[in-house]
Amino acid sequence: MYFEAPSAEAPPLEQLYAWRPWPKWVTAPLNDGVEVFALPKRLTRALGKASSAELEELAGRWITRLRSEDGDDMTDDDLLAVLQGVARLAASAANTGGGLYSWSF
């Protein structure tokens, strides 16, 4: 959605819920909150093919949205660097026929 329908604002919930496909759990969330999910191939390809300018624009919208929601509590991470790293992983996954996975706790 970020590449196909870019917007500085979060999409309406109806539009967000209608967007497919969603990431799929590889393992269901455990009691300690750990979860692993596979990102959709469509997102993996979009990230892998994104130009530097597209990644910068996406990071800018991401930062704007975080600041509007979190104000001064926004993360100090370099969001563009994070996005560029994920895009490199996505390009590698797409080139090798693999997938892109995320885990959180």
C-alpha atoms as a PDB file:
ATOM      1  CA  MET A   1       0.000   0.000   0.000  1.00  0.00           C
ATOM      2  CA  TYR A   2       2.855   2.403   0.787  1.00  0.00           C
ATOM      3  CA  PHE A   3       4.211   2.057  -2.750  1.00  0.00           C
ATOM      4  CA  GLU A   4       0.953   1.681  -4.676  1.00  0.00           C
ATOM      5  CA  ALA A   5      -1.134   4.274  -2.817  1.00  0.00           C
ATOM      6  CA  PRO A   6       1.329   6.566  -1.029  1.00  0.00           C
ATOM      7  CA  SER A   7      -0.090   8.951   1.518  1.00  0.00           C
ATOM      8  CA  ALA A   8       1.218  11.023   4.403  1.00  0.00           C
ATOM      9  CA  GLU A   9      -1.849   9.985   6.396  1.00  0.00           C
ATOM     10  CA  ALA A  10      -2.734   6.541   7.693  1.00  0.00           C
ATOM     11  CA  PRO A  11      -5.362   4.954   5.448  1.00  0.00           C
ATOM     12  CA  PRO A  12      -8.924   4.533   6.692  1.00  0.00           C
ATOM     13  CA  LEU A  13      -9.310   1.243   8.574  1.00  0.00           C
ATOM     14  CA  GLU A  14     -11.718  -0.163   5.955  1.00  0.00           C
ATOM     15  CA  GLN A  15      -9.102   0.382   3.251  1.00  0.00           C
ATOM     16  CA  LEU A  16      -6.334  -1.048   5.403  1.00  0.00           C
ATOM     17  CA  TYR A  17      -8.326  -4.172   6.306  1.00  0.00           C
ATOM     18  CA  ALA A  18      -9.272  -4.734   2.658  1.00  0.00           C
ATOM     19  CA  TRP A  19      -5.640  -4.655   1.520  1.00  0.00           C
ATOM     20  CA  ARG A  20      -4.341  -8.117   0.684  1.00  0.00           C
ATOM     21  CA  PRO A  21      -2.342 -10.119   1.232  1.00  0.00           C
ATOM     22  CA  TRP A  22      -1.446  -9.635   4.867  1.00  0.00           C
ATOM     23  CA  PRO A  23       1.703 -11.075   6.445  1.00  0.00           C
ATOM     24  CA  LYS A  24       1.165 -14.684   7.499  1.00  0.00           C
ATOM     25  CA  TRP A  25       2.272 -16.139  10.788  1.00  0.00           C
ATOM     26  CA  VAL A  26       4.963 -18.762  10.506  1.00  0.00           C
ATOM     27  CA  THR A  27       4.471 -19.489  14.193  1.00  0.00           C
ATOM     28  CA  ALA A  28       1.517 -18.293  16.185  1.00  0.00           C
ATOM     29  CA  PRO A  29       2.328 -15.787  18.940  1.00  0.00           C
ATOM     30  CA  LEU A  30       3.650 -17.553  22.009  1.00  0.00           C
ATOM     31  CA  ASN A  31       2.835 -16.729  25.621  1.00  0.00           C
ATOM     32  CA  ASP A  32       5.993 -14.639  25.895  1.00  0.00           C
ATOM     33  CA  GLY A  33       4.850 -12.520  22.937  1.00  0.00           C
ATOM     34  CA  VAL A  34       7.345 -13.872  20.397  1.00  0.00           C
ATOM     35  CA  GLU A  35       5.933 -14.202  16.900  1.00  0.00           C
ATOM     36  CA  VAL A  36       7.360 -14.854  13.437  1.00  0.00           C
ATOM     37  CA  PHE A  37       5.600 -13.957  10.222  1.00  0.00           C
ATOM     38  CA  ALA A  38       6.346 -14.030   6.504  1.00  0.00           C
ATOM     39  CA  LEU A  39       5.897 -10.817   4.559  1.00  0.00           C
ATOM     40  CA  PRO A  40       3.816 -11.058   1.385  1.00  0.00           C
ATOM     41  CA  LYS A  41       5.777 -11.685  -1.822  1.00  0.00           C
ATOM     42  CA  ARG A  42       4.202  -8.530  -3.280  1.00  0.00           C
ATOM     43  CA  LEU A  43       5.715  -6.397  -0.504  1.00  0.00           C
ATOM     44  CA  THR A  44       9.052  -8.204  -0.726  1.00  0.00           C
ATOM     45  CA  ARG A  45       9.241  -7.515  -4.483  1.00  0.00           C
ATOM     46  CA  ALA A  46       8.203  -3.866  -4.029  1.00  0.00           C
ATOM     47  CA  LEU A  47      10.845  -3.267  -1.365  1.00  0.00           C
ATOM     48  CA  GLY A  48      13.511  -5.105  -3.368  1.00  0.00           C
ATOM     49  CA  LYS A  49      12.808  -3.072  -6.509  1.00  0.00           C
ATOM     50  CA  ALA A  50      12.374   0.292  -4.801  1.00  0.00           C
ATOM     51  CA  SER A  51      14.737   3.044  -5.876  1.00  0.00           C
ATOM     52  CA  SER A  52      16.726   5.122  -3.404  1.00  0.00           C
ATOM     53  CA  ALA A  53      14.315   8.009  -4.013  1.00  0.00           C
ATOM     54  CA  GLU A  54      11.275   5.802  -3.305  1.00  0.00           C
ATOM     55  CA  LEU A  55      12.845   4.554  -0.078  1.00  0.00           C
ATOM     56  CA  GLU A  56      13.676   8.112   0.991  1.00  0.00           C
ATOM     57  CA  GLU A  57      10.110   9.208   0.255  1.00  0.00           C
ATOM     58  CA  LEU A  58       8.688   6.242   2.168  1.00  0.00           C
ATOM     59  CA  ALA A  59      10.986   6.922   5.135  1.00  0.00           C
ATOM     60  CA  GLY A  60       9.917  10.572   5.090  1.00  0.00           C
ATOM     61  CA  ARG A  61       6.220   9.628   5.225  1.00  0.00           C
ATOM     62  CA  TRP A  62       6.987   7.102   7.962  1.00  0.00           C
ATOM     63  CA  ILE A  63       8.818   9.726  10.042  1.00  0.00           C
ATOM     64  CA  THR A  64       6.031  12.274   9.518  1.00  0.00           C
ATOM     65  CA  ARG A  65       3.421   9.771  10.659  1.00  0.00           C
ATOM     66  CA  LEU A  66       5.450   8.701  13.708  1.00  0.00           C
ATOM     67  CA  ARG A  67       6.017  12.313  14.746  1.00  0.00           C
ATOM     68  CA  SER A  68       2.338  13.149  14.384  1.00  0.00           C
ATOM     69  CA  GLU A  69       1.372  10.131  16.509  1.00  0.00           C
ATOM     70  CA  ASP A  70       4.234   9.991  19.014  1.00  0.00           C
ATOM     71  CA  GLY A  71       5.549  13.554  19.107  1.00  0.00           C
ATOM     72  CA  ASP A  72       8.811  13.840  20.997  1.00  0.00           C
ATOM     73  CA  ASP A  73       8.676  10.165  21.982  1.00  0.00           C
ATOM     74  CA  MET A  74       9.607   9.131  18.450  1.00  0.00           C
ATOM     75  CA  THR A  75      12.448   6.661  18.092  1.00  0.00           C
ATOM     76  CA  ASP A  76      16.010   7.898  17.601  1.00  0.00           C
ATOM     77  CA  ASP A  77      16.682   5.130  15.067  1.00  0.00           C
ATOM     78  CA  ASP A  78      17.687   6.140  11.561  1.00  0.00           C
ATOM     79  CA  LEU A  79      14.491   5.006   9.865  1.00  0.00           C
ATOM     80  CA  LEU A  80      15.898   5.450   6.355  1.00  0.00           C
ATOM     81  CA  ALA A  81      18.864   3.208   7.217  1.00  0.00           C
ATOM     82  CA  VAL A  82      16.489   0.582   8.639  1.00  0.00           C
ATOM     83  CA  LEU A  83      14.329   0.730   5.513  1.00  0.00           C
ATOM     84  CA  GLN A  84      17.364   0.518   3.213  1.00  0.00           C
ATOM     85  CA  GLY A  85      18.604  -2.549   5.113  1.00  0.00           C
ATOM     86  CA  VAL A  86      15.221  -4.255   4.832  1.00  0.00           C
ATOM     87  CA  ALA A  87      15.092  -3.373   1.125  1.00  0.00           C
ATOM     88  CA  ARG A  88      18.502  -5.049   0.612  1.00  0.00           C
ATOM     89  CA  LEU A  89      17.226  -8.171   2.370  1.00  0.00           C
ATOM     90  CA  ALA A  90      14.073  -8.075   0.231  1.00  0.00           C
ATOM     91  CA  ALA A  91      16.105  -7.792  -2.983  1.00  0.00           C
ATOM     92  CA  SER A  92      18.231 -10.773  -1.934  1.00  0.00           C
ATOM     93  CA  ALA A  93      15.133 -12.791  -1.055  1.00  0.00           C
ATOM     94  CA  ALA A  94      13.472 -11.961  -4.379  1.00  0.00           C
ATOM     95  CA  ASN A  95      16.627 -12.794  -6.360  1.00  0.00           C
ATOM     96  CA  THR A  96      17.042 -16.193  -4.692  1.00  0.00           C
ATOM     97  CA  GLY A  97      13.382 -17.162  -4.619  1.00  0.00           C
ATOM     98  CA  GLY A  98      13.332 -16.892  -0.833  1.00  0.00           C
ATOM     99  CA  GLY A  99      11.074 -15.021   1.497  1.00  0.00           C
ATOM    100  CA  LEU A 100      11.311 -12.134   3.898  1.00  0.00           C
ATOM    101  CA  TYR A 101      10.468 -12.833   7.523  1.00  0.00           C
ATOM    102  CA  SER A 102      10.034 -10.755  10.639  1.00  0.00           C
ATOM    103  CA  TRP A 103       9.992 -11.682  14.271  1.00  0.00           C
ATOM    104  CA  SER A 104       9.092  -9.643  17.266  1.00  0.00           C
ATOM    105  CA  PHE A 105       8.631  -9.967  20.971  1.00  0.00           C
END
